[in-house]
N, C-alpha and C. Protein backbone atom coordinates (compact mmCIF):
# COMPACT_ATOMS: atom_id res chain seq x y z
N MET A 1 15.23 -26.74 -149.59
CA MET A 1 13.81 -27.29 -149.96
C MET A 1 14.01 -28.56 -150.48
N GLU A 2 13.18 -29.60 -150.02
CA GLU A 2 13.28 -30.79 -150.51
C GLU A 2 12.57 -30.94 -151.91
N LYS A 3 13.18 -31.84 -152.79
CA LYS A 3 12.42 -32.06 -153.98
C LYS A 3 11.35 -33.08 -153.87
N GLU A 4 10.24 -33.28 -154.47
CA GLU A 4 9.26 -34.27 -154.51
C GLU A 4 9.74 -35.45 -155.37
N SER A 5 9.55 -36.69 -154.73
CA SER A 5 9.95 -37.88 -155.58
C SER A 5 9.01 -37.84 -156.64
N GLU A 6 9.29 -38.63 -157.63
CA GLU A 6 8.61 -38.95 -158.91
C GLU A 6 7.24 -39.59 -158.50
N LEU A 7 7.41 -40.49 -157.40
CA LEU A 7 6.13 -41.19 -156.98
C LEU A 7 5.03 -40.11 -156.42
N ASP A 8 5.73 -39.27 -155.58
CA ASP A 8 4.59 -38.21 -155.01
C ASP A 8 3.93 -37.48 -155.98
N VAL A 9 4.72 -37.26 -157.08
CA VAL A 9 4.09 -36.20 -158.09
C VAL A 9 3.11 -37.26 -158.95
N VAL A 10 3.24 -38.46 -159.20
CA VAL A 10 2.39 -39.18 -159.94
C VAL A 10 1.15 -39.59 -159.02
N GLU A 11 1.35 -39.74 -157.61
CA GLU A 11 0.18 -39.97 -156.66
C GLU A 11 -0.61 -38.62 -156.67
N LYS A 12 -0.09 -37.59 -156.58
CA LYS A 12 -0.76 -36.29 -156.55
C LYS A 12 -1.81 -36.17 -157.92
N ASP A 13 -1.26 -36.55 -158.86
CA ASP A 13 -1.88 -36.36 -160.39
C ASP A 13 -2.77 -37.45 -160.71
N SER A 14 -2.93 -38.45 -159.85
CA SER A 14 -3.76 -39.64 -160.24
C SER A 14 -5.19 -39.24 -160.05
N PRO A 15 -6.01 -39.83 -160.73
CA PRO A 15 -7.58 -39.60 -160.60
C PRO A 15 -7.83 -39.87 -159.37
N SER A 16 -7.52 -41.19 -158.85
CA SER A 16 -7.97 -41.19 -157.32
C SER A 16 -7.74 -40.13 -156.29
N ALA A 17 -6.74 -39.61 -156.49
CA ALA A 17 -6.15 -38.56 -155.57
C ALA A 17 -7.05 -37.43 -155.76
N ARG A 18 -7.61 -37.12 -156.84
CA ARG A 18 -8.23 -35.86 -157.15
C ARG A 18 -9.79 -36.17 -156.63
N LEU A 19 -10.17 -37.42 -156.31
CA LEU A 19 -11.53 -37.52 -156.18
C LEU A 19 -11.94 -37.13 -154.73
N GLY A 20 -11.00 -37.45 -153.67
CA GLY A 20 -11.15 -37.10 -152.32
C GLY A 20 -12.25 -37.65 -151.77
N TRP A 21 -12.78 -37.06 -150.55
CA TRP A 21 -13.69 -37.50 -149.53
C TRP A 21 -15.01 -37.73 -150.24
N ARG A 22 -15.50 -37.01 -151.08
CA ARG A 22 -16.83 -36.89 -151.82
C ARG A 22 -16.89 -38.49 -152.37
N PHE A 23 -15.91 -38.72 -153.11
CA PHE A 23 -15.96 -40.12 -153.74
C PHE A 23 -16.09 -41.28 -152.67
N ALA A 24 -15.63 -41.16 -151.68
CA ALA A 24 -15.42 -42.28 -150.58
C ALA A 24 -16.95 -42.27 -149.93
N VAL A 25 -17.56 -40.91 -149.61
CA VAL A 25 -18.84 -40.83 -149.12
C VAL A 25 -19.92 -41.40 -150.09
N GLY A 26 -19.73 -41.10 -151.26
CA GLY A 26 -20.55 -41.59 -152.48
C GLY A 26 -20.64 -42.92 -152.50
N VAL A 27 -19.51 -43.65 -152.41
CA VAL A 27 -19.40 -45.01 -152.59
C VAL A 27 -20.06 -45.78 -151.32
N VAL A 28 -19.86 -45.04 -150.20
CA VAL A 28 -20.31 -45.54 -148.87
C VAL A 28 -21.92 -45.64 -148.97
N LEU A 29 -22.58 -44.29 -149.73
CA LEU A 29 -24.05 -44.25 -149.76
C LEU A 29 -24.54 -45.41 -150.60
N ILE A 30 -23.88 -45.63 -151.80
CA ILE A 30 -24.28 -46.61 -152.74
C ILE A 30 -24.32 -48.03 -152.25
N VAL A 31 -23.26 -48.14 -151.34
CA VAL A 31 -23.21 -49.77 -150.92
C VAL A 31 -24.25 -49.85 -149.82
N GLY A 32 -24.26 -48.70 -148.83
CA GLY A 32 -25.36 -48.77 -147.89
C GLY A 32 -26.66 -48.84 -148.24
N GLY A 33 -27.15 -48.28 -149.42
CA GLY A 33 -28.38 -48.39 -149.77
C GLY A 33 -28.71 -49.67 -150.33
N TYR A 34 -27.73 -50.54 -150.82
CA TYR A 34 -28.27 -51.99 -151.13
C TYR A 34 -28.16 -52.83 -149.83
N ILE A 35 -27.48 -52.43 -148.67
CA ILE A 35 -27.37 -53.20 -147.45
C ILE A 35 -28.90 -53.04 -146.97
N ALA A 36 -29.47 -51.82 -147.14
CA ALA A 36 -30.71 -51.62 -146.61
C ALA A 36 -31.77 -52.46 -147.02
N TRP A 37 -31.57 -53.24 -147.97
CA TRP A 37 -32.54 -54.34 -148.38
C TRP A 37 -32.58 -55.50 -147.31
N THR A 38 -31.65 -55.70 -146.90
CA THR A 38 -31.47 -56.67 -145.72
C THR A 38 -32.18 -56.61 -144.65
N LEU A 39 -32.63 -55.24 -144.29
CA LEU A 39 -33.43 -54.93 -143.39
C LEU A 39 -34.94 -55.21 -143.52
N ILE A 40 -35.18 -55.50 -144.73
CA ILE A 40 -36.78 -55.55 -145.07
C ILE A 40 -37.36 -56.78 -144.42
N PRO A 41 -36.82 -58.03 -144.25
CA PRO A 41 -37.32 -58.95 -143.40
C PRO A 41 -37.54 -58.72 -141.79
N VAL A 42 -36.54 -57.98 -141.45
CA VAL A 42 -36.65 -57.38 -139.99
C VAL A 42 -37.77 -56.54 -139.86
N ALA A 43 -38.13 -55.66 -140.67
CA ALA A 43 -39.13 -54.84 -140.69
C ALA A 43 -40.51 -55.52 -140.70
N VAL A 44 -40.62 -56.59 -141.59
CA VAL A 44 -41.94 -57.36 -141.80
C VAL A 44 -42.00 -58.06 -140.39
N ALA A 45 -41.00 -58.73 -139.76
CA ALA A 45 -41.23 -59.66 -138.50
C ALA A 45 -41.57 -58.67 -137.23
N THR A 46 -41.32 -57.45 -137.34
CA THR A 46 -41.61 -56.56 -136.15
C THR A 46 -43.19 -56.74 -135.75
N ASP A 47 -43.57 -56.05 -134.67
CA ASP A 47 -44.96 -56.17 -134.17
C ASP A 47 -45.50 -54.74 -134.42
N LEU A 48 -45.17 -53.94 -135.53
CA LEU A 48 -45.73 -52.73 -135.95
C LEU A 48 -46.91 -53.00 -136.44
N PRO A 49 -48.09 -51.97 -136.66
CA PRO A 49 -48.98 -52.03 -137.42
C PRO A 49 -48.86 -52.28 -138.85
N THR A 50 -49.68 -52.79 -139.60
CA THR A 50 -49.50 -53.19 -140.94
C THR A 50 -49.26 -51.98 -141.78
N GLY A 51 -49.82 -50.86 -141.62
CA GLY A 51 -49.46 -49.58 -142.47
C GLY A 51 -48.20 -49.14 -142.18
N VAL A 52 -47.76 -49.24 -140.90
CA VAL A 52 -46.38 -48.74 -140.60
C VAL A 52 -45.21 -49.64 -141.45
N LYS A 53 -45.53 -51.21 -141.16
CA LYS A 53 -44.54 -51.94 -141.89
C LYS A 53 -44.59 -51.61 -143.48
N SER A 54 -45.84 -51.54 -144.10
CA SER A 54 -45.77 -51.27 -145.44
C SER A 54 -45.11 -49.98 -145.89
N ALA A 55 -45.26 -49.09 -145.10
CA ALA A 55 -44.39 -47.81 -145.28
C ALA A 55 -42.87 -47.90 -145.07
N LEU A 56 -42.54 -48.50 -143.96
CA LEU A 56 -41.15 -48.89 -143.67
C LEU A 56 -40.52 -49.75 -144.88
N THR A 57 -41.23 -50.76 -145.22
CA THR A 57 -40.69 -51.69 -146.34
C THR A 57 -40.53 -50.85 -147.60
N ALA A 58 -41.35 -50.09 -147.93
CA ALA A 58 -41.41 -49.16 -149.11
C ALA A 58 -40.17 -48.39 -149.19
N LEU A 59 -39.88 -47.77 -147.94
CA LEU A 59 -38.80 -46.57 -147.86
C LEU A 59 -37.43 -47.63 -147.88
N LEU A 60 -37.45 -48.82 -147.36
CA LEU A 60 -36.06 -49.45 -147.37
C LEU A 60 -35.99 -50.25 -148.70
N GLY A 61 -37.02 -50.34 -149.66
CA GLY A 61 -37.03 -50.94 -150.79
C GLY A 61 -36.55 -49.50 -151.73
N ALA A 62 -37.00 -48.49 -151.46
CA ALA A 62 -36.48 -47.37 -152.53
C ALA A 62 -35.17 -46.93 -152.14
N THR A 63 -34.45 -47.41 -150.93
CA THR A 63 -33.40 -46.79 -150.42
C THR A 63 -32.31 -46.68 -151.43
N PRO A 64 -31.87 -47.92 -152.26
CA PRO A 64 -30.95 -47.85 -153.22
C PRO A 64 -30.99 -46.75 -154.25
N PHE A 65 -32.06 -46.58 -154.78
CA PHE A 65 -32.34 -45.50 -155.71
C PHE A 65 -32.13 -44.19 -154.98
N LEU A 66 -32.59 -43.85 -153.98
CA LEU A 66 -32.50 -42.62 -153.39
C LEU A 66 -30.95 -42.35 -153.12
N THR A 67 -30.13 -43.36 -152.41
CA THR A 67 -28.90 -43.28 -151.98
C THR A 67 -27.87 -43.04 -153.37
N LYS A 68 -28.36 -43.73 -154.52
CA LYS A 68 -27.62 -43.29 -155.83
C LYS A 68 -27.99 -41.80 -156.33
N VAL A 69 -29.16 -41.43 -155.96
CA VAL A 69 -29.25 -39.98 -156.52
C VAL A 69 -28.59 -38.88 -155.54
N ALA A 70 -28.44 -39.51 -154.25
CA ALA A 70 -27.66 -38.50 -153.32
C ALA A 70 -26.11 -38.71 -153.74
N ALA A 71 -25.65 -39.86 -154.07
CA ALA A 71 -24.39 -39.99 -154.33
C ALA A 71 -23.96 -39.38 -155.51
N VAL A 72 -24.63 -39.54 -156.56
CA VAL A 72 -24.11 -38.75 -157.79
C VAL A 72 -24.29 -37.26 -157.73
N ALA A 73 -25.29 -36.82 -156.82
CA ALA A 73 -25.20 -35.39 -156.38
C ALA A 73 -23.92 -34.92 -155.80
N LEU A 74 -23.40 -35.84 -154.75
CA LEU A 74 -22.34 -35.37 -153.88
C LEU A 74 -20.96 -35.43 -154.77
N MET A 75 -20.88 -36.77 -155.28
CA MET A 75 -19.89 -37.15 -156.03
C MET A 75 -19.48 -36.28 -157.39
N GLY A 76 -20.58 -36.18 -158.14
CA GLY A 76 -20.42 -35.68 -159.31
C GLY A 76 -20.53 -36.56 -160.39
N ARG A 77 -20.94 -36.42 -161.48
CA ARG A 77 -21.23 -37.34 -162.55
C ARG A 77 -19.79 -38.14 -162.94
N PRO A 78 -18.68 -37.32 -163.07
CA PRO A 78 -17.40 -37.91 -163.53
C PRO A 78 -16.90 -39.05 -162.63
N ALA A 79 -17.10 -38.82 -161.23
CA ALA A 79 -16.59 -39.54 -160.20
C ALA A 79 -17.62 -40.88 -160.11
N TYR A 80 -18.85 -40.64 -160.44
CA TYR A 80 -19.76 -41.74 -160.38
C TYR A 80 -19.41 -42.56 -161.70
N ASP A 81 -19.31 -42.11 -162.85
CA ASP A 81 -19.07 -42.98 -163.97
C ASP A 81 -17.53 -43.72 -163.82
N LEU A 82 -16.57 -43.23 -162.96
CA LEU A 82 -15.47 -43.80 -162.82
C LEU A 82 -15.77 -44.99 -161.81
N PHE A 83 -16.59 -44.77 -160.88
CA PHE A 83 -17.00 -45.80 -159.94
C PHE A 83 -17.62 -46.83 -160.70
N LYS A 84 -18.65 -46.47 -161.53
CA LYS A 84 -19.30 -47.46 -162.25
C LYS A 84 -18.38 -48.39 -163.25
N ARG A 85 -17.39 -47.65 -163.80
CA ARG A 85 -16.72 -48.35 -164.65
C ARG A 85 -15.56 -49.36 -164.00
N SER A 86 -15.20 -48.91 -162.83
CA SER A 86 -14.25 -50.02 -162.05
C SER A 86 -15.25 -51.13 -161.74
N VAL A 87 -16.35 -50.83 -161.30
CA VAL A 87 -17.16 -51.97 -160.73
C VAL A 87 -17.51 -52.96 -161.82
N LEU A 88 -18.00 -52.52 -163.10
CA LEU A 88 -18.39 -53.21 -163.94
C LEU A 88 -16.92 -54.05 -164.79
N LYS A 89 -15.84 -53.27 -164.61
CA LYS A 89 -14.56 -53.90 -164.95
C LYS A 89 -14.23 -55.04 -164.09
N SER A 90 -14.47 -54.89 -162.74
CA SER A 90 -14.22 -56.08 -161.92
C SER A 90 -15.13 -57.27 -162.16
N LEU A 91 -16.52 -56.84 -162.41
CA LEU A 91 -17.33 -58.06 -162.58
C LEU A 91 -17.12 -58.61 -163.88
N ARG A 92 -16.77 -57.96 -164.90
CA ARG A 92 -16.39 -58.63 -166.17
C ARG A 92 -15.08 -59.63 -165.95
N LEU A 93 -14.17 -59.14 -165.05
CA LEU A 93 -12.94 -59.93 -164.78
C LEU A 93 -13.36 -61.19 -164.20
N ARG A 94 -14.33 -61.06 -163.24
CA ARG A 94 -14.51 -62.54 -162.63
C ARG A 94 -15.52 -63.34 -163.29
N ALA A 95 -16.31 -62.63 -164.26
CA ALA A 95 -17.15 -63.42 -165.01
C ALA A 95 -16.24 -64.33 -166.01
N SER A 96 -15.28 -63.76 -166.70
CA SER A 96 -14.64 -64.25 -167.46
C SER A 96 -13.71 -65.56 -166.79
N SER A 97 -13.32 -65.42 -165.62
CA SER A 97 -12.37 -66.38 -165.11
C SER A 97 -13.16 -67.63 -164.47
């Protein structure tokens, strides 16, 4: 039986290894929610009736909030806090340089 290397053990015990697919899907939901805002001008430029445009624009405007709620429900609060900390840390590093 082969012994696991020290690197394999460290990788298995790391917080990112424990997060799994739920964390990745949650991040995609959050990022995708903000990308939806770029579709608002497209919805306004269509030939749809005014009421449909308004409803579609409102839905696209609320998408970041809705996807964040879904991401927190999927990832769990600890994983969302880890994501938020890492994003804020990278923003602070960019702001200081």
